Amino acid sequence: MLVFRKYLEEAIGWTGAVFSLSAFSLNSLNMIDSQSITYLLMNIIGCFFLILYAVSKKLMQAGC
């Protein structure tokens, strides 16, 4: 169960990074506008997942 949790936390972190970097890349390539709902949602979702990842890492360090 502990191994599954570790992989889940890593997947959450990678998902957040992919969403945030994809939004930035699409905006840089002029495929989406920085004020579009797509860009904003991708950033919100990405940041949410990255926050979850950071919190889980801090909790893991406190428990050791």
Protein backbone atom coordinates (compact mmCIF):
# COMPACT_ATOMS: atom_id res chain seq x y z
CA MET A 1 0.00 0.00 0.00
CA LEU A 2 2.88 2.34 0.79
CA VAL A 3 4.40 1.79 -2.66
CA PHE A 4 1.06 2.60 -4.32
CA ARG A 5 0.81 5.83 -2.31
CA LYS A 6 4.32 6.83 -3.37
CA TYR A 7 3.52 6.28 -7.05
CA LEU A 8 0.22 8.12 -6.69
CA GLU A 9 1.97 11.14 -5.17
CA GLU A 10 4.53 11.15 -7.97
CA ALA A 11 1.76 10.89 -10.58
CA ILE A 12 0.00 13.86 -9.00
CA GLY A 13 3.20 15.91 -9.16
CA TRP A 14 3.91 14.99 -12.77
CA THR A 15 0.31 15.72 -13.77
CA GLY A 16 0.53 19.18 -12.25
CA ALA A 17 3.82 19.88 -14.00
CA VAL A 18 2.49 18.69 -17.37
CA PHE A 19 -0.65 20.84 -17.10
CA SER A 20 1.27 23.98 -16.13
CA LEU A 21 4.03 23.52 -18.69
CA SER A 22 1.55 22.65 -21.43
CA ALA A 23 -0.41 25.82 -20.76
CA PHE A 24 2.78 27.87 -20.91
CA SER A 25 3.97 26.14 -24.09
CA LEU A 26 0.65 26.51 -25.89
CA ASN A 27 0.58 30.18 -24.97
CA SER A 28 4.17 30.70 -26.12
CA LEU A 29 3.33 29.09 -29.47
CA ASN A 30 0.30 31.41 -29.81
CA MET A 31 -2.06 28.44 -29.88
CA ILE A 32 -4.07 29.74 -26.91
CA ASP A 33 -4.43 33.22 -25.48
CA SER A 34 -3.28 33.99 -21.95
CA GLN A 35 -6.78 35.26 -21.14
CA SER A 36 -8.60 32.21 -22.51
CA ILE A 37 -10.54 29.89 -20.25
CA THR A 38 -8.44 26.95 -21.47
CA TYR A 39 -5.19 28.58 -20.39
CA LEU A 40 -6.57 29.64 -17.04
CA LEU A 41 -8.09 26.23 -16.29
CA MET A 42 -4.89 24.42 -17.24
CA ASN A 43 -2.93 26.65 -14.89
CA ILE A 44 -5.44 26.27 -12.06
CA ILE A 45 -5.49 22.49 -12.40
CA GLY A 46 -1.70 22.31 -12.70
CA CYS A 47 -1.13 24.51 -9.67
CA PHE A 48 -3.70 22.57 -7.64
CA PHE A 49 -1.93 19.28 -8.35
CA LEU A 50 1.47 20.80 -7.60
CA ILE A 51 0.17 22.12 -4.27
CA LEU A 52 -1.17 18.66 -3.43
CA TYR A 53 2.20 17.17 -4.28
CA ALA A 54 4.10 19.71 -2.16
CA VAL A 55 1.80 19.16 0.81
CA SER A 56 2.14 15.39 0.54
CA LYS A 57 5.94 15.68 0.44
CA LYS A 58 5.98 17.92 3.51
CA LEU A 59 3.73 15.50 5.38
CA MET A 60 5.96 12.58 4.41
CA GLN A 61 9.07 14.37 5.72
CA ALA A 62 7.37 15.30 9.00
CA GLY A 63 6.39 11.68 9.60
CA CYS A 64 9.90 10.27 9.21
